PDB file of all heavy atoms in Angstrom:
ATOM      1  N   GLY A   1      -9.913  11.386   0.078  1.00  0.00           N
ATOM      2  CA  GLY A   1      -9.979  12.846   0.098  1.00  0.00           C
ATOM      3  C   GLY A   1      -9.870  13.396  -1.320  1.00  0.00           C
ATOM      4  O   GLY A   1      -9.454  12.697  -2.239  1.00  0.00           O
ATOM      5  N   THR A   2     -10.254  14.646  -1.483  1.00  0.00           N
ATOM      6  CA  THR A   2     -10.266  15.232  -2.826  1.00  0.00           C
ATOM      7  C   THR A   2      -9.535  16.576  -2.880  1.00  0.00           C
ATOM      8  O   THR A   2      -9.237  17.177  -1.850  1.00  0.00           O
ATOM      9  CB  THR A   2     -11.714  15.437  -3.323  1.00  0.00           C
ATOM     10  OG1 THR A   2     -12.395  16.275  -2.387  1.00  0.00           O
ATOM     11  CG2 THR A   2     -12.446  14.113  -3.466  1.00  0.00           C
ATOM     12  N   ILE A   3      -9.261  17.010  -4.102  1.00  0.00           N
ATOM     13  CA  ILE A   3      -8.665  18.319  -4.384  1.00  0.00           C
ATOM     14  C   ILE A   3      -9.642  19.052  -5.295  1.00  0.00           C
ATOM     15  O   ILE A   3     -10.220  18.443  -6.212  1.00  0.00           O
ATOM     16  CB  ILE A   3      -7.307  18.185  -5.114  1.00  0.00           C
ATOM     17  CG1 ILE A   3      -6.352  17.283  -4.339  1.00  0.00           C
ATOM     18  CG2 ILE A   3      -6.671  19.542  -5.354  1.00  0.00           C
ATOM     19  CD1 ILE A   3      -5.084  16.929  -5.111  1.00  0.00           C
ATOM     20  N   SER A   4      -9.841  20.340  -5.059  1.00  0.00           N
ATOM     21  CA  SER A   4     -10.760  21.101  -5.917  1.00  0.00           C
ATOM     22  C   SER A   4     -10.193  21.212  -7.333  1.00  0.00           C
ATOM     23  O   SER A   4      -8.973  21.256  -7.520  1.00  0.00           O
ATOM     24  CB  SER A   4     -11.005  22.496  -5.332  1.00  0.00           C
ATOM     25  OG  SER A   4      -9.788  23.216  -5.292  1.00  0.00           O
ATOM     26  N   GLN A   5     -11.097  21.252  -8.303  1.00  0.00           N
ATOM     27  CA  GLN A   5     -10.699  21.277  -9.714  1.00  0.00           C
ATOM     28  C   GLN A   5      -9.785  22.455 -10.048  1.00  0.00           C
ATOM     29  O   GLN A   5      -8.845  22.331 -10.825  1.00  0.00           O
ATOM     30  CB  GLN A   5     -11.950  21.336 -10.614  1.00  0.00           C
ATOM     31  CG  GLN A   5     -12.748  20.037 -10.665  1.00  0.00           C
ATOM     32  CD  GLN A   5     -11.950  18.858 -11.227  1.00  0.00           C
ATOM     33  OE1 GLN A   5     -11.194  18.999 -12.171  1.00  0.00           O
ATOM     34  NE2 GLN A   5     -12.131  17.692 -10.626  1.00  0.00           N
ATOM     35  N   ASN A   6     -10.047  23.607  -9.439  1.00  0.00           N
ATOM     36  CA  ASN A   6      -9.239  24.788  -9.769  1.00  0.00           C
ATOM     37  C   ASN A   6      -7.821  24.730  -9.194  1.00  0.00           C
ATOM     38  O   ASN A   6      -6.956  25.523  -9.573  1.00  0.00           O
ATOM     39  CB  ASN A   6      -9.947  26.083  -9.329  1.00  0.00           C
ATOM     40  CG  ASN A   6     -10.181  26.135  -7.823  1.00  0.00           C
ATOM     41  OD1 ASN A   6     -10.101  25.112  -7.155  1.00  0.00           O
ATOM     42  ND2 ASN A   6     -10.479  27.315  -7.301  1.00  0.00           N
ATOM     43  N   GLU A   7      -7.582  23.769  -8.281  1.00  0.00           N
ATOM     44  CA  GLU A   7      -6.234  23.593  -7.706  1.00  0.00           C
ATOM     45  C   GLU A   7      -5.434  22.478  -8.396  1.00  0.00           C
ATOM     46  O   GLU A   7      -4.224  22.394  -8.232  1.00  0.00           O
ATOM     47  CB  GLU A   7      -6.348  23.221  -6.218  1.00  0.00           C
ATOM     48  CG  GLU A   7      -6.517  24.357  -5.269  1.00  0.00           C
ATOM     49  CD  GLU A   7      -6.299  23.876  -3.837  1.00  0.00           C
ATOM     50  OE1 GLU A   7      -6.974  22.908  -3.437  1.00  0.00           O
ATOM     51  OE2 GLU A   7      -5.448  24.450  -3.140  1.00  0.00           O
ATOM     52  N   MET A   8      -6.135  21.640  -9.133  1.00  0.00           N
ATOM     53  CA  MET A   8      -5.556  20.401  -9.657  1.00  0.00           C
ATOM     54  C   MET A   8      -4.243  20.608 -10.409  1.00  0.00           C
ATOM     55  O   MET A   8      -3.245  19.944 -10.143  1.00  0.00           O
ATOM     56  CB  MET A   8      -6.579  19.718 -10.571  1.00  0.00           C
ATOM     57  CG  MET A   8      -6.457  18.223 -10.621  1.00  0.00           C
ATOM     58  SD  MET A   8      -7.200  17.418  -9.213  1.00  0.00           S
ATOM     59  CE  MET A   8      -8.917  17.459  -9.638  1.00  0.00           C
ATOM     60  N   GLN A   9      -4.237  21.550 -11.354  1.00  0.00           N
ATOM     61  CA  GLN A   9      -3.061  21.741 -12.200  1.00  0.00           C
ATOM     62  C   GLN A   9      -1.877  22.299 -11.422  1.00  0.00           C
ATOM     63  O   GLN A   9      -0.743  21.834 -11.580  1.00  0.00           O
ATOM     64  CB  GLN A   9      -3.395  22.662 -13.381  1.00  0.00           C
ATOM     65  CG  GLN A   9      -2.596  22.294 -14.617  1.00  0.00           C
ATOM     66  CD  GLN A   9      -3.187  22.902 -15.883  1.00  0.00           C
ATOM     67  OE1 GLN A   9      -4.269  23.468 -15.873  1.00  0.00           O
ATOM     68  NE2 GLN A   9      -2.458  22.785 -16.980  1.00  0.00           N
ATOM     69  N   SER A  10      -2.159  23.268 -10.553  1.00  0.00           N
ATOM     70  CA  SER A  10      -1.056  23.867  -9.783  1.00  0.00           C
ATOM     71  C   SER A  10      -0.477  22.869  -8.778  1.00  0.00           C
ATOM     72  O   SER A  10       0.742  22.811  -8.569  1.00  0.00           O
ATOM     73  CB  SER A  10      -1.525  25.137  -9.061  1.00  0.00           C
ATOM     74  OG  SER A  10      -2.520  24.828  -8.095  1.00  0.00           O
ATOM     75  N   LYS A  11      -1.345  22.040  -8.168  1.00  0.00           N
ATOM     76  CA  LYS A  11      -0.870  21.046  -7.199  1.00  0.00           C
ATOM     77  C   LYS A  11      -0.059  19.942  -7.889  1.00  0.00           C
ATOM     78  O   LYS A  11       0.892  19.413  -7.319  1.00  0.00           O
ATOM     79  CB  LYS A  11      -2.041  20.433  -6.414  1.00  0.00           C
ATOM     80  CG  LYS A  11      -2.726  21.396  -5.461  1.00  0.00           C
ATOM     81  CD  LYS A  11      -1.779  21.957  -4.408  1.00  0.00           C
ATOM     82  CE  LYS A  11      -2.500  22.860  -3.413  1.00  0.00           C
ATOM     83  NZ  LYS A  11      -1.554  23.533  -2.487  1.00  0.00           N
ATOM     84  N   GLN A  12      -0.442  19.607  -9.110  1.00  0.00           N
ATOM     85  CA  GLN A  12       0.312  18.617  -9.882  1.00  0.00           C
ATOM     86  C   GLN A  12       1.746  19.099 -10.090  1.00  0.00           C
ATOM     87  O   GLN A  12       2.712  18.354  -9.893  1.00  0.00           O
ATOM     88  CB  GLN A  12      -0.370  18.389 -11.239  1.00  0.00           C
ATOM     89  CG  GLN A  12       0.346  17.373 -12.129  1.00  0.00           C
ATOM     90  CD  GLN A  12      -0.340  17.219 -13.477  1.00  0.00           C
ATOM     91  OE1 GLN A  12      -1.562  17.277 -13.578  1.00  0.00           O
ATOM     92  NE2 GLN A  12       0.439  17.035 -14.526  1.00  0.00           N
ATOM     93  N   LYS A  13       1.879  20.373 -10.450  1.00  0.00           N
ATOM     94  CA  LYS A  13       3.199  20.979 -10.680  1.00  0.00           C
ATOM     95  C   LYS A  13       3.981  21.069  -9.364  1.00  0.00           C
ATOM     96  O   LYS A  13       5.160  20.730  -9.302  1.00  0.00           O
ATOM     97  CB  LYS A  13       3.022  22.373 -11.284  1.00  0.00           C
ATOM     98  CG  LYS A  13       4.254  22.905 -11.998  1.00  0.00           C
ATOM     99  CD  LYS A  13       3.976  24.248 -12.653  1.00  0.00           C
ATOM    100  CE  LYS A  13       3.088  24.102 -13.876  1.00  0.00           C
ATOM    101  NZ  LYS A  13       2.853  25.416 -14.544  1.00  0.00           N
ATOM    102  N   ASP A  14       3.294  21.509  -8.295  1.00  0.00           N
ATOM    103  CA  ASP A  14       3.942  21.643  -6.979  1.00  0.00           C
ATOM    104  C   ASP A  14       4.453  20.300  -6.467  1.00  0.00           C
ATOM    105  O   ASP A  14       5.549  20.211  -5.901  1.00  0.00           O
ATOM    106  CB  ASP A  14       2.958  22.219  -5.947  1.00  0.00           C
ATOM    107  CG  ASP A  14       2.585  23.662  -6.218  1.00  0.00           C
ATOM    108  OD1 ASP A  14       3.268  24.309  -7.047  1.00  0.00           O
ATOM    109  OD2 ASP A  14       1.600  24.140  -5.619  1.00  0.00           O
ATOM    110  N   LEU A  15       3.632  19.245  -6.665  1.00  0.00           N
ATOM    111  CA  LEU A  15       3.991  17.909  -6.178  1.00  0.00           C
ATOM    112  C   LEU A  15       5.244  17.401  -6.891  1.00  0.00           C
ATOM    113  O   LEU A  15       6.162  16.881  -6.249  1.00  0.00           O
ATOM    114  CB  LEU A  15       2.817  16.948  -6.398  1.00  0.00           C
ATOM    115  CG  LEU A  15       2.980  15.506  -5.899  1.00  0.00           C
ATOM    116  CD1 LEU A  15       3.294  15.466  -4.408  1.00  0.00           C
ATOM    117  CD2 LEU A  15       1.713  14.693  -6.188  1.00  0.00           C
ATOM    118  N   GLU A  16       5.296  17.575  -8.181  1.00  0.00           N
ATOM    119  CA  GLU A  16       6.460  17.128  -8.953  1.00  0.00           C
ATOM    120  C   GLU A  16       7.722  17.903  -8.538  1.00  0.00           C
ATOM    121  O   GLU A  16       8.785  17.301  -8.349  1.00  0.00           O
ATOM    122  CB  GLU A  16       6.193  17.329 -10.443  1.00  0.00           C
ATOM    123  CG  GLU A  16       7.284  16.743 -11.326  1.00  0.00           C
ATOM    124  CD  GLU A  16       6.974  16.872 -12.809  1.00  0.00           C
ATOM    125  OE1 GLU A  16       5.975  16.280 -13.264  1.00  0.00           O
ATOM    126  OE2 GLU A  16       7.731  17.571 -13.508  1.00  0.00           O
ATOM    127  N   LEU A  17       7.585  19.223  -8.369  1.00  0.00           N
ATOM    128  CA  LEU A  17       8.735  20.051  -7.965  1.00  0.00           C
ATOM    129  C   LEU A  17       9.241  19.653  -6.584  1.00  0.00           C
ATOM    130  O   LEU A  17      10.441  19.544  -6.358  1.00  0.00           O
ATOM    131  CB  LEU A  17       8.356  21.536  -7.980  1.00  0.00           C
ATOM    132  CG  LEU A  17       8.241  22.201  -9.346  1.00  0.00           C
ATOM    133  CD1 LEU A  17       7.611  23.588  -9.218  1.00  0.00           C
ATOM    134  CD2 LEU A  17       9.619  22.329 -10.006  1.00  0.00           C
ATOM    135  N   GLU A  18       8.308  19.438  -5.640  1.00  0.00           N
ATOM    136  CA  GLU A  18       8.680  19.074  -4.261  1.00  0.00           C
ATOM    137  C   GLU A  18       9.372  17.711  -4.219  1.00  0.00           C
ATOM    138  O   GLU A  18      10.395  17.539  -3.548  1.00  0.00           O
ATOM    139  CB  GLU A  18       7.429  19.052  -3.384  1.00  0.00           C
ATOM    140  CG  GLU A  18       7.701  18.795  -1.905  1.00  0.00           C
ATOM    141  CD  GLU A  18       8.510  19.886  -1.224  1.00  0.00           C
ATOM    142  OE1 GLU A  18       8.417  21.056  -1.623  1.00  0.00           O
ATOM    143  OE2 GLU A  18       9.265  19.549  -0.274  1.00  0.00           O
ATOM    144  N   ALA A  19       8.833  16.742  -4.965  1.00  0.00           N
ATOM    145  CA  ALA A  19       9.417  15.402  -4.998  1.00  0.00           C
ATOM    146  C   ALA A  19      10.834  15.442  -5.571  1.00  0.00           C
ATOM    147  O   ALA A  19      11.759  14.834  -5.019  1.00  0.00           O
ATOM    148  CB  ALA A  19       8.541  14.468  -5.817  1.00  0.00           C
ATOM    149  N   ASN A  20      11.020  16.157  -6.663  1.00  0.00           N
ATOM    150  CA  ASN A  20      12.346  16.216  -7.287  1.00  0.00           C
ATOM    151  C   ASN A  20      13.343  17.022  -6.465  1.00  0.00           C
ATOM    152  O   ASN A  20      14.546  16.752  -6.501  1.00  0.00           O
ATOM    153  CB  ASN A  20      12.228  16.746  -8.721  1.00  0.00           C
ATOM    154  CG  ASN A  20      11.634  15.705  -9.657  1.00  0.00           C
ATOM    155  OD1 ASN A  20      12.018  14.533  -9.611  1.00  0.00           O
ATOM    156  ND2 ASN A  20      10.678  16.088 -10.485  1.00  0.00           N
ATOM    157  N   ALA A  21      12.835  17.983  -5.678  1.00  0.00           N
ATOM    158  CA  ALA A  21      13.719  18.719  -4.765  1.00  0.00           C
ATOM    159  C   ALA A  21      14.259  17.780  -3.686  1.00  0.00           C
ATOM    160  O   ALA A  21      15.451  17.816  -3.341  1.00  0.00           O
ATOM    161  CB  ALA A  21      12.966  19.883  -4.130  1.00  0.00           C
ATOM    162  N   LEU A  22      13.391  16.909  -3.166  1.00  0.00           N
ATOM    163  CA  LEU A  22      13.824  15.934  -2.145  1.00  0.00           C
ATOM    164  C   LEU A  22      14.776  14.897  -2.749  1.00  0.00           C
ATOM    165  O   LEU A  22      15.722  14.464  -2.089  1.00  0.00           O
ATOM    166  CB  LEU A  22      12.616  15.237  -1.517  1.00  0.00           C
ATOM    167  CG  LEU A  22      11.730  16.096  -0.611  1.00  0.00           C
ATOM    168  CD1 LEU A  22      10.551  15.292  -0.089  1.00  0.00           C
ATOM    169  CD2 LEU A  22      12.517  16.676   0.551  1.00  0.00           C
ATOM    170  N   ILE A  23      14.535  14.512  -3.998  1.00  0.00           N
ATOM    171  CA  ILE A  23      15.429  13.571  -4.682  1.00  0.00           C
ATOM    172  C   ILE A  23      16.818  14.188  -4.837  1.00  0.00           C
ATOM    173  O   ILE A  23      17.834  13.526  -4.599  1.00  0.00           O
ATOM    174  CB  ILE A  23      14.847  13.160  -6.058  1.00  0.00           C
ATOM    175  CG1 ILE A  23      13.631  12.246  -5.860  1.00  0.00           C
ATOM    176  CG2 ILE A  23      15.899  12.437  -6.902  1.00  0.00           C
ATOM    177  CD1 ILE A  23      12.817  11.999  -7.122  1.00  0.00           C
ATOM    178  N   SER A  24      16.876  15.457  -5.201  1.00  0.00           N
ATOM    179  CA  SER A  24      18.180  16.113  -5.387  1.00  0.00           C
ATOM    180  C   SER A  24      18.935  16.259  -4.071  1.00  0.00           C
ATOM    181  O   SER A  24      20.167  16.219  -4.040  1.00  0.00           O
ATOM    182  CB  SER A  24      18.009  17.482  -6.061  1.00  0.00           C
ATOM    183  OG  SER A  24      17.302  18.365  -5.223  1.00  0.00           O
ATOM    184  N   LEU A  25      18.204  16.384  -2.957  1.00  0.00           N
ATOM    185  CA  LEU A  25      18.850  16.455  -1.629  1.00  0.00           C
ATOM    186  C   LEU A  25      19.374  15.089  -1.199  1.00  0.00           C
ATOM    187  O   LEU A  25      20.401  14.982  -0.531  1.00  0.00           O
ATOM    188  CB  LEU A  25      17.848  16.959  -0.583  1.00  0.00           C
ATOM    189  CG  LEU A  25      17.545  18.453  -0.562  1.00  0.00           C
ATOM    190  CD1 LEU A  25      16.411  18.739   0.412  1.00  0.00           C
ATOM    191  CD2 LEU A  25      18.785  19.265  -0.190  1.00  0.00           C
ATOM    192  N   GLY A  26      18.651  14.028  -1.570  1.00  0.00           N
ATOM    193  CA  GLY A  26      19.034  12.673  -1.176  1.00  0.00           C
ATOM    194  C   GLY A  26      18.703  12.386   0.283  1.00  0.00           C
ATOM    195  O   GLY A  26      18.170  13.235   1.000  1.00  0.00           O
ATOM    196  N   GLY A  27      19.016  11.189   0.724  1.00  0.00           N
ATOM    197  CA  GLY A  27      18.731  10.765   2.093  1.00  0.00           C
ATOM    198  C   GLY A  27      18.569   9.262   2.133  1.00  0.00           C
ATOM    199  O   GLY A  27      18.086   8.645   1.182  1.00  0.00           O
ATOM    200  N   LYS A  28      18.996   8.673   3.239  1.00  0.00           N
ATOM    201  CA  LYS A  28      18.990   7.216   3.364  1.00  0.00           C
ATOM    202  C   LYS A  28      17.570   6.653   3.404  1.00  0.00           C
ATOM    203  O   LYS A  28      16.673   7.238   4.010  1.00  0.00           O
ATOM    204  CB  LYS A  28      19.738   6.829   4.643  1.00  0.00           C
ATOM    205  CG  LYS A  28      19.952   5.338   4.805  1.00  0.00           C
ATOM    206  CD  LYS A  28      20.582   5.005   6.155  1.00  0.00           C
ATOM    207  CE  LYS A  28      20.620   3.490   6.368  1.00  0.00           C
ATOM    208  NZ  LYS A  28      20.954   3.120   7.740  1.00  0.00           N
ATOM    209  N   VAL A  29      17.387   5.503   2.753  1.00  0.00           N
ATOM    210  CA  VAL A  29      16.136   4.757   2.829  1.00  0.00           C
ATOM    211  C   VAL A  29      16.434   3.476   3.613  1.00  0.00           C
ATOM    212  O   VAL A  29      17.358   2.739   3.278  1.00  0.00           O
ATOM    213  CB  VAL A  29      15.596   4.417   1.423  1.00  0.00           C
ATOM    214  CG1 VAL A  29      14.313   3.587   1.524  1.00  0.00           C
ATOM    215  CG2 VAL A  29      15.341   5.693   0.627  1.00  0.00           C
ATOM    216  N   SER A  30      15.677   3.239   4.679  1.00  0.00           N
ATOM    217  CA  SER A  30      15.970   2.081   5.538  1.00  0.00           C
ATOM    218  C   SER A  30      14.726   1.232   5.760  1.00  0.00           C
ATOM    219  O   SER A  30      13.596   1.710   5.618  1.00  0.00           O
ATOM    220  CB  SER A  30      16.505   2.554   6.902  1.00  0.00           C
ATOM    221  OG  SER A  30      15.517   3.352   7.550  1.00  0.00           O
ATOM    222  N   ALA A  31      14.948  -0.028   6.090  1.00  0.00           N
ATOM    223  CA  ALA A  31      13.853  -0.948   6.422  1.00  0.00           C
ATOM    224  C   ALA A  31      14.242  -1.721   7.675  1.00  0.00           C
ATOM    225  O   ALA A  31      15.324  -2.298   7.741  1.00  0.00           O
ATOM    226  CB  ALA A  31      13.601  -1.915   5.269  1.00  0.00           C
TER     227      ALA A  31
END
């Protein structure tokens, strides 16, 4: 799948912010 060029930069920023927000919340990782 693809992302439109005009969204690329904003989605890059959003993805990093969302990932780090989940990291700060924490949560168990299981296998």
